[in-house]
Amino acid sequence: MSTIKDYLFEMQEKYIDDWIRERLSDDSLGEDSEEYQELAEEYSNYQEHLREEAEWQAELKWLKENGSSDIHQSFINELDALKVMADSNFNNRQNIAFVLHTNIVVKMSYAYAVTLLETFLGDTLKSLVSQDEQCLKNTLRKFKILKSVKLTDLADTDLDVRSLVLKYVGDVLYHNIPNVVEMYEQVLNRKLDIDISNVVKITKLRHDIVHRNGKTIDGSTISLSAQDFTHAIDEIKEFSGALQKAINETQTA
């Protein structure tokens, strides 16, 4: 007797087979035929398209429901939770396993703090474009990555202008802080007087952790302490707070 899972799998296979056979030029063609295989691939691609579209619509809904202040507060909460988790490990000096792997814990925590920052920067920028009509106009006029976009790019998709812009914004890598600040200046249409020097150092160090396991490009090992991690959290908070303040000032002006 088959399980419910087996039954559902069989039903899915039957549905796919029926879908393919409705489109075959000759219903007698078997699964090994070239036409059957091409239709099977077409069905798979179509299902992938539907999954991607569902994910995209869910993201648009989330962006519309979450303003930049909400995103910033959630980001700060996650940073605080990360610090609490890391501190609980740093203070557990009686655990011999921790003592032997302190550097690993510090590197993992440090790298993840920057990952949270990059997510915050990306989500906030997309939220501004999604919710603020003026930010969308600023993006269309000034965003450098949109300079090469042609009207035909829009004609070839089923996306509206805002969704197409969000797609391009979503493809940006947010680890290059000078470039990110420049993008925010373009979207907000104002110069940002924010000190990024410490955050730039932190993101570069994260790059060494992730790509070279905590070594510089010349092979020198980077030594990190719990205090270094705590300092990085403080600097990230200060930078994000200054950016959020600028966003709030722009939107209330």
Protein backbone atom coordinates (compact mmCIF):
# COMPACT_ATOMS: atom_id res chain seq x y z
CA MET A 1 0.00 0.00 0.00
CA SER A 2 1.52 3.33 -1.08
CA THR A 3 1.95 6.21 1.31
CA ILE A 4 0.26 9.57 0.86
CA LYS A 5 3.57 10.96 -0.35
CA ASP A 6 3.87 8.25 -3.01
CA TYR A 7 0.28 8.88 -4.07
CA LEU A 8 0.83 12.61 -4.46
CA PHE A 9 4.02 11.98 -6.40
CA GLU A 10 2.17 9.65 -8.78
CA MET A 11 -0.60 12.22 -9.24
CA GLN A 12 1.99 14.89 -10.04
CA GLU A 13 3.66 12.65 -12.61
CA LYS A 14 0.30 11.93 -14.21
CA TYR A 15 -0.53 15.64 -14.36
CA ILE A 16 2.79 16.38 -16.07
CA ASP A 17 2.29 13.53 -18.53
CA ASP A 18 -1.24 14.77 -19.35
CA TRP A 19 0.08 18.32 -19.83
CA ILE A 20 2.73 17.09 -22.26
CA ARG A 21 0.41 14.79 -24.20
CA GLU A 22 -2.09 17.60 -24.73
CA ARG A 23 0.67 19.38 -26.65
CA LEU A 24 2.25 16.49 -28.53
CA SER A 25 1.80 16.49 -32.31
CA ASP A 26 1.31 12.71 -32.12
CA ASP A 27 -0.16 11.17 -28.95
CA SER A 28 1.56 7.87 -29.73
CA LEU A 29 5.01 9.37 -29.13
CA GLY A 30 6.75 7.90 -26.09
CA GLU A 31 8.70 9.53 -23.28
CA ASP A 32 11.96 8.84 -25.12
CA SER A 33 10.95 10.92 -28.12
CA GLU A 34 12.66 14.26 -28.72
CA GLU A 35 9.36 16.17 -28.79
CA TYR A 36 8.24 14.67 -25.46
CA GLN A 37 11.55 15.61 -23.83
CA GLU A 38 11.37 19.16 -25.22
CA LEU A 39 7.87 19.58 -23.79
CA ALA A 40 9.01 18.13 -20.46
CA GLU A 41 11.76 20.76 -20.34
CA GLU A 42 9.26 23.46 -21.30
CA TYR A 43 6.99 22.38 -18.43
CA SER A 44 9.90 22.43 -15.99
CA ASN A 45 10.94 25.91 -17.13
CA TYR A 46 7.37 27.14 -16.82
CA GLN A 47 7.09 25.84 -13.27
CA GLU A 48 10.38 27.50 -12.37
CA HIS A 49 9.03 30.74 -13.82
CA LEU A 50 5.90 30.44 -11.66
CA ARG A 51 8.02 29.83 -8.55
CA GLU A 52 10.22 32.84 -9.28
CA GLU A 53 7.17 35.00 -9.96
CA ALA A 54 5.56 33.94 -6.68
CA GLU A 55 8.76 34.77 -4.79
CA TRP A 56 8.98 38.14 -6.54
CA GLN A 57 5.38 39.04 -5.74
CA ALA A 58 5.96 38.03 -2.11
CA GLU A 59 9.02 40.31 -1.97
CA LEU A 60 7.07 43.23 -3.48
CA LYS A 61 4.35 42.72 -0.89
CA TRP A 62 6.95 42.67 1.91
CA LEU A 63 8.59 45.86 0.64
CA LYS A 64 5.26 47.66 0.52
CA GLU A 65 4.45 46.60 4.08
CA ASN A 66 7.86 47.40 5.60
CA GLY A 67 9.19 50.95 5.60
CA SER A 68 12.85 51.87 5.99
CA SER A 69 12.43 52.58 9.73
CA ASP A 70 10.95 49.10 10.28
CA ILE A 71 13.79 47.51 8.33
CA HIS A 72 16.37 49.46 10.34
CA GLN A 73 14.82 48.46 13.66
CA SER A 74 14.70 44.80 12.62
CA PHE A 75 18.37 45.06 11.57
CA ILE A 76 19.36 46.53 14.95
CA ASN A 77 17.43 43.79 16.74
CA GLU A 78 19.30 41.13 14.76
CA LEU A 79 22.65 42.77 15.49
CA ASP A 80 21.80 42.83 19.21
CA ALA A 81 20.77 39.17 19.10
CA LEU A 82 24.03 38.27 17.34
CA LYS A 83 26.02 40.15 19.99
CA VAL A 84 24.17 38.39 22.84
CA MET A 85 24.82 35.00 21.24
CA ALA A 86 28.49 35.79 20.66
CA ASP A 87 28.95 37.20 24.18
CA SER A 88 27.50 34.07 25.71
CA ASN A 89 30.20 32.09 23.93
CA PHE A 90 32.98 34.57 24.67
CA ASN A 91 32.16 34.42 28.40
CA ASN A 92 32.11 30.63 28.51
CA ARG A 93 35.77 30.27 29.38
CA GLN A 94 35.26 26.94 31.18
CA ASN A 95 34.29 25.22 27.96
CA ILE A 96 37.52 23.78 26.57
CA ALA A 97 35.96 23.39 23.13
CA PHE A 98 35.29 27.10 22.99
CA VAL A 99 38.78 28.01 24.16
CA LEU A 100 40.22 25.95 21.32
CA HIS A 101 37.94 27.56 18.73
CA THR A 102 37.62 31.15 19.94
CA ASN A 103 39.03 32.57 16.72
CA ILE A 104 36.49 30.65 14.63
CA VAL A 105 33.57 31.99 16.69
CA VAL A 106 34.88 35.55 16.38
CA LYS A 107 35.38 35.27 12.61
CA MET A 108 31.94 33.75 12.04
CA SER A 109 30.24 36.41 14.19
CA TYR A 110 32.20 39.23 12.55
CA ALA A 111 31.38 38.05 9.04
CA TYR A 112 27.70 37.58 9.81
CA ALA A 113 27.44 41.10 11.25
CA VAL A 114 28.53 42.45 7.87
CA THR A 115 26.09 40.11 6.10
CA LEU A 116 23.30 41.66 8.16
CA LEU A 117 24.55 45.12 7.18
CA GLU A 118 24.53 44.28 3.48
CA THR A 119 20.99 42.90 3.75
CA PHE A 120 19.85 46.05 5.56
CA LEU A 121 21.38 48.28 2.89
CA GLY A 122 19.78 46.33 0.05
CA ASP A 123 16.34 45.98 1.65
CA THR A 124 16.24 49.65 2.64
CA LEU A 125 17.15 50.86 -0.84
CA LYS A 126 14.50 48.62 -2.40
CA SER A 127 11.95 49.80 0.17
CA LEU A 128 12.61 53.45 -0.74
CA VAL A 129 12.17 52.75 -4.45
CA SER A 130 9.07 50.67 -3.77
CA GLN A 131 7.27 53.09 -1.47
CA ASP A 132 8.46 56.60 -2.33
CA GLU A 133 7.46 58.07 -5.69
CA GLN A 134 10.18 60.74 -5.55
CA CYS A 135 12.85 58.15 -4.79
CA LEU A 136 11.72 56.17 -7.82
CA LYS A 137 11.99 59.28 -10.01
CA ASN A 138 15.44 60.07 -8.58
CA THR A 139 16.53 56.51 -9.29
CA LEU A 140 15.34 56.66 -12.89
CA ARG A 141 17.13 59.98 -13.47
CA LYS A 142 20.38 59.42 -11.62
CA PHE A 143 21.05 55.73 -10.94
CA LYS A 144 24.21 54.84 -12.85
CA ILE A 145 23.32 51.17 -13.30
CA LEU A 146 20.15 52.22 -15.16
CA LYS A 147 22.00 54.34 -17.73
CA SER A 148 22.41 51.37 -20.05
CA VAL A 149 18.80 50.18 -19.69
CA LYS A 150 16.81 50.63 -22.88
CA LEU A 151 13.07 50.92 -23.40
CA THR A 152 13.24 47.60 -25.20
CA ASP A 153 14.33 46.00 -21.90
CA LEU A 154 10.97 47.01 -20.45
CA ALA A 155 9.07 45.95 -23.57
CA ASP A 156 10.59 42.49 -23.39
CA THR A 157 9.28 41.87 -19.86
CA ASP A 158 5.90 41.80 -18.15
CA LEU A 159 7.19 44.15 -15.42
CA ASP A 160 6.14 47.72 -14.78
CA VAL A 161 8.80 50.44 -14.45
CA ARG A 162 9.03 50.21 -10.66
CA SER A 163 9.38 46.43 -10.69
CA LEU A 164 12.04 46.58 -13.39
CA VAL A 165 14.03 49.14 -11.37
CA LEU A 166 13.72 46.95 -8.27
CA LYS A 167 15.08 44.01 -10.24
CA TYR A 168 18.20 46.00 -11.13
CA VAL A 169 18.56 47.32 -7.59
CA GLY A 170 18.27 43.78 -6.29
CA ASP A 171 21.20 42.67 -8.44
CA VAL A 172 23.58 45.16 -6.82
CA LEU A 173 26.28 43.88 -4.46
CA TYR A 174 26.16 45.86 -1.22
CA HIS A 175 29.62 45.16 0.20
CA ASN A 176 31.27 48.13 -1.56
CA ILE A 177 30.31 50.85 0.92
CA PRO A 178 31.51 53.91 -1.10
CA ASN A 179 29.44 52.73 -4.08
CA VAL A 180 26.45 52.00 -1.84
CA VAL A 181 26.56 55.47 -0.27
CA GLU A 182 26.75 56.97 -3.74
CA MET A 183 23.64 55.01 -4.76
CA TYR A 184 21.79 56.28 -1.70
CA GLU A 185 22.80 59.82 -2.61
CA GLN A 186 21.34 59.28 -6.08
CA VAL A 187 18.09 57.81 -4.76
CA LEU A 188 17.65 60.42 -2.01
CA ASN A 189 18.93 63.24 -4.25
CA ARG A 190 21.16 64.68 -1.53
CA LYS A 191 24.77 64.59 -0.40
CA LEU A 192 25.33 62.35 2.61
CA ASP A 193 27.80 63.59 5.18
CA ILE A 194 28.52 60.21 6.76
CA ASP A 195 31.90 58.92 7.92
CA ILE A 196 32.32 55.52 6.26
CA SER A 197 36.03 54.95 6.96
CA ASN A 198 35.54 52.46 9.81
CA VAL A 199 32.76 50.53 8.08
CA VAL A 200 34.89 50.25 4.93
CA LYS A 201 37.66 48.65 7.01
CA ILE A 202 35.14 46.27 8.57
CA THR A 203 33.72 45.14 5.21
CA LYS A 204 37.21 44.64 3.79
CA LEU A 205 38.11 42.51 6.80
CA ARG A 206 34.94 40.49 6.31
CA HIS A 207 36.08 39.86 2.73
CA ASP A 208 39.38 38.46 4.05
CA ILE A 209 37.48 36.24 6.50
CA VAL A 210 35.06 34.86 3.93
CA HIS A 211 37.41 34.46 0.98
CA ARG A 212 40.79 33.83 2.61
CA ASN A 213 39.82 32.43 6.02
CA GLY A 214 41.09 35.47 7.89
CA LYS A 215 44.25 36.14 5.91
CA THR A 216 45.26 39.25 4.02
CA ILE A 217 45.97 39.16 0.31
CA ASP A 218 49.67 38.68 1.05
CA GLY A 219 48.94 35.70 3.30
CA SER A 220 49.31 37.36 6.70
CA THR A 221 46.95 36.01 9.38
CA ILE A 222 44.50 38.52 10.82
CA SER A 223 44.12 38.33 14.58
CA LEU A 224 40.62 39.14 15.88
CA SER A 225 39.43 39.37 19.47
CA ALA A 226 36.01 39.55 21.08
CA GLN A 227 36.63 43.26 21.55
CA ASP A 228 37.20 43.66 17.81
CA PHE A 229 33.83 42.06 17.16
CA THR A 230 32.08 44.31 19.70
CA HIS A 231 33.74 47.37 18.18
CA ALA A 232 32.57 46.32 14.71
CA ILE A 233 28.99 46.01 15.95
CA ASP A 234 29.17 49.52 17.42
CA GLU A 235 30.60 50.99 14.21
CA ILE A 236 27.98 49.26 12.06
CA LYS A 237 25.22 50.58 14.30
CA GLU A 238 26.62 54.10 14.12
CA PHE A 239 26.86 54.01 10.33
CA SER A 240 23.39 52.55 9.82
CA GLY A 241 21.93 55.01 12.32
CA ALA A 242 23.44 57.97 10.48
CA LEU A 243 22.10 56.64 7.19
CA GLN A 244 18.63 56.07 8.61
CA LYS A 245 18.62 59.58 10.09
CA ALA A 246 19.42 61.01 6.66
CA ILE A 247 16.61 58.95 5.12
CA ASN A 248 14.11 60.15 7.73
CA GLU A 249 15.17 63.77 7.25
CA THR A 250 14.76 63.48 3.48
CA GLN A 251 11.31 61.90 3.69
CA THR A 252 10.01 64.50 6.15
CA ALA A 253 11.49 67.49 4.33
